[in-house]
Protein backbone atom coordinates (compact mmCIF):
# COMPACT_ATOMS: atom_id res chain seq x y z
CA MET A 1 33.89 41.44 14.25
CA LYS A 2 31.62 38.75 12.82
CA GLU A 3 31.60 35.27 14.24
CA PRO A 4 32.42 32.48 11.81
CA ARG A 5 29.38 30.62 10.58
CA ALA A 6 28.98 27.03 11.61
CA PRO A 7 29.19 24.63 8.71
CA SER A 8 25.75 23.79 7.45
CA ALA A 9 24.53 20.27 6.93
CA PRO A 10 24.90 18.94 3.41
CA PRO A 11 21.77 19.49 1.35
CA THR A 12 19.39 16.58 1.22
CA PRO A 13 18.80 15.27 -2.26
CA ARG A 14 15.43 16.25 -3.67
CA LEU A 15 13.26 13.71 -5.33
CA PRO A 16 12.01 14.59 -8.79
CA ALA A 17 8.35 15.65 -8.66
CA TRP A 18 7.36 12.87 -11.05
CA SER A 19 8.62 10.21 -8.59
CA GLY A 20 5.69 10.96 -6.27
CA LEU A 21 3.27 10.69 -9.18
CA ALA A 22 4.84 7.38 -10.19
CA GLY A 23 4.59 6.11 -6.61
CA ARG A 24 0.93 7.12 -6.43
CA PHE A 25 0.05 5.47 -9.73
CA VAL A 26 1.94 2.21 -9.13
CA VAL A 27 0.57 1.60 -5.63
CA GLY A 28 -2.87 2.93 -6.51
CA LEU A 29 -3.22 0.80 -9.62
CA VAL A 30 -2.07 -2.38 -7.85
CA LEU A 31 -4.52 -1.74 -4.97
CA VAL A 32 -7.43 -1.03 -7.33
CA ILE A 33 -6.75 -4.15 -9.40
CA SER A 34 -6.15 -6.48 -6.45
CA GLY A 35 -9.08 -5.10 -4.46
CA SER A 36 -11.44 -5.28 -7.46
CA MET A 37 -10.49 -8.87 -8.22
CA LYS A 38 -11.24 -9.88 -4.63
CA ALA A 39 -14.40 -7.77 -4.37
CA ALA A 40 -15.81 -9.33 -7.56
CA ALA A 41 -15.82 -12.78 -5.96
CA PRO A 42 -17.96 -13.89 -3.03
CA PRO A 43 -16.32 -12.91 0.28
CA GLU A 44 -16.35 -16.56 1.35
CA GLU A 45 -13.62 -17.29 -1.22
CA PHE A 46 -11.29 -14.67 0.26
CA SER A 47 -12.22 -15.72 3.81
CA ILE A 48 -10.85 -19.22 3.06
CA VAL A 49 -7.52 -17.62 2.09
CA ILE A 50 -7.49 -15.45 5.25
CA GLU A 51 -8.28 -18.52 7.33
CA GLY A 52 -5.23 -20.28 5.84
CA TYR A 53 -2.92 -17.77 7.55
CA GLN A 54 -4.21 -19.00 10.94
CA LEU A 55 -3.94 -15.55 12.52
CA LEU A 56 -7.61 -15.06 13.40
CA ARG A 57 -9.93 -17.53 15.08
CA SER A 58 -13.32 -15.84 14.83
CA GLN A 59 -15.16 -16.86 11.66
CA ASP A 60 -17.28 -13.71 11.88
CA LEU A 61 -14.18 -11.51 12.01
CA ILE A 62 -12.60 -13.39 9.10
CA LEU A 63 -15.74 -12.99 6.97
CA MET A 64 -16.01 -9.30 7.88
CA LEU A 65 -12.36 -8.76 6.93
CA ALA A 66 -12.88 -10.67 3.66
CA THR A 67 -15.87 -8.47 2.88
CA PHE A 68 -14.41 -5.05 3.64
CA MET A 69 -10.64 -5.34 2.99
CA PRO A 70 -11.00 -5.49 -0.81
CA TRP A 71 -13.12 -2.33 -0.78
CA ALA A 72 -10.60 -0.57 1.49
CA GLU A 73 -7.90 -1.46 -1.06
CA VAL A 74 -10.02 -0.03 -3.90
CA VAL A 75 -10.76 3.20 -2.02
CA LEU A 76 -7.10 3.67 -1.04
CA GLY A 77 -6.03 2.91 -4.60
CA PHE A 78 -8.34 5.51 -6.14
CA ALA A 79 -7.34 8.08 -3.50
CA LEU A 80 -3.71 7.57 -4.54
CA ILE A 81 -4.39 7.61 -8.27
CA PHE A 82 -6.31 10.89 -8.02
CA GLY A 83 -4.05 12.37 -5.35
CA TYR A 84 -6.80 12.89 -2.79
CA LEU A 85 -5.64 13.01 0.83
CA THR A 86 -2.42 11.74 -0.68
CA ARG A 87 -0.21 11.57 2.38
CA ALA A 88 -2.85 9.84 4.50
CA ALA A 89 -3.65 7.41 1.67
CA ALA A 90 0.03 6.67 1.05
CA ALA A 91 0.68 6.11 4.76
CA SER A 92 -2.39 3.85 5.03
CA ALA A 93 -1.40 1.89 1.93
CA GLY A 94 2.16 1.48 3.25
CA ALA A 95 0.85 0.29 6.62
CA LEU A 96 -1.52 -2.16 4.92
CA LEU A 97 1.32 -3.52 2.79
CA LEU A 98 3.49 -3.94 5.89
CA VAL A 99 0.66 -5.91 7.53
CA PHE A 100 0.53 -8.13 4.43
CA ILE A 101 4.30 -8.67 4.64
CA GLY A 102 4.00 -9.49 8.34
CA ALA A 103 1.23 -12.03 7.70
CA LEU A 104 3.24 -13.68 4.92
CA LEU A 105 6.40 -13.82 7.05
CA SER A 106 4.41 -15.26 9.95
CA ALA A 107 2.94 -17.99 7.77
CA LYS A 108 6.38 -18.75 6.29
CA ALA A 109 8.00 -18.90 9.75
CA ARG A 110 5.33 -21.31 10.98
CA GLY A 111 5.76 -23.53 7.93
CA LEU A 112 2.21 -23.04 6.68
CA TYR A 113 1.50 -23.99 3.10
CA LEU A 114 -0.29 -21.18 1.29
CA PRO A 115 -1.42 -22.23 -2.18
CA ASN A 116 -2.88 -18.74 -2.62
CA CYS A 117 -1.53 -15.68 -0.82
CA GLY A 118 -4.79 -13.85 -1.50
CA CYS A 119 -3.06 -10.90 -3.12
CA PHE A 120 -5.08 -10.83 -6.33
CA GLY A 121 -8.07 -13.02 -5.63
CA ALA A 122 -8.44 -15.79 -8.19
CA GLY A 123 -6.31 -13.96 -10.76
CA PHE A 124 -2.61 -14.21 -9.98
CA HIS A 125 -1.03 -16.46 -7.35
CA PRO A 126 2.55 -15.46 -6.57
CA THR A 127 4.55 -17.57 -4.15
CA PRO A 128 4.77 -16.14 -0.62
CA LEU A 129 8.36 -14.99 -1.23
CA MET A 130 7.33 -13.29 -4.50
CA ALA A 131 4.44 -11.61 -2.70
CA ILE A 132 6.78 -10.35 0.04
CA GLY A 133 9.10 -8.94 -2.62
CA ILE A 134 6.25 -7.27 -4.51
CA ASP A 135 4.84 -5.79 -1.29
CA ALA A 136 8.28 -4.51 -0.24
CA VAL A 137 8.70 -2.72 -3.58
CA LEU A 138 5.20 -1.28 -3.21
CA VAL A 139 6.09 0.02 0.28
CA GLY A 140 8.96 1.90 -1.37
CA PHE A 141 6.58 3.39 -3.94
CA ALA A 142 4.15 4.32 -1.13
CA LEU A 143 7.00 6.18 0.55
CA LEU A 144 7.65 8.11 -2.68
CA ALA A 145 3.94 8.94 -2.85
CA TYR A 146 4.01 10.11 0.76
CA ARG A 147 7.06 12.32 0.28
CA SER A 148 6.22 14.02 -3.02
CA GLY A 149 2.90 12.68 -4.27
CA THR A 150 1.03 15.97 -4.06
CA LEU A 151 3.29 17.90 -6.41
CA ILE A 152 1.94 16.82 -9.82
CA LEU A 153 -1.60 16.02 -10.95
CA SER A 154 -3.12 15.68 -7.49
CA LEU A 155 -6.52 16.76 -6.30
CA ASP A 156 -4.86 17.92 -3.09
CA ASN A 157 -2.77 20.41 -5.03
CA TRP A 158 -5.56 21.40 -7.42
CA CYS A 159 -8.07 22.04 -4.62
CA GLY A 160 -5.56 24.11 -2.69
CA GLU A 161 -5.35 21.56 0.07
CA GLY A 162 -1.91 20.33 -0.92
CA TYR A 163 0.70 19.90 1.72
CA THR A 164 3.79 22.02 1.78
CA LYS A 165 5.70 21.69 -1.44
CA ARG A 166 9.18 20.32 -1.23
């Protein structure tokens, strides 16, 4: 006599494959644009913005961050757009965006006036609350890229180094 089968868990909804591609492109494009706009200006301009958050005291560290962060954004953005090391790039981009949200929330909680959040260099200056909202949406897109970003038009998939397909 056969034993009755235990009820299985309800199936988890699958994301459409294009959602990962959309997540990659949205986050990647925003990172490339924002990083390029900051990298095109002298790092001293961005260091003034970083200094306004009052999170770091060392001028050398602030200048180093202002020099290399824009390029890290550009590299992460292109990795996402092309789908190279997609999951690592999406996780790194999501973590970076969460750090940005944390810095903005910290400045807001301490009552600091930020005339420029530093998001897009000299180009676009959203209010801190707008920047938090934009970054939160981008974290959601980074999650989509992490979950299913290797399925369509990714170098990871094309090179045979894609992660398990879902």
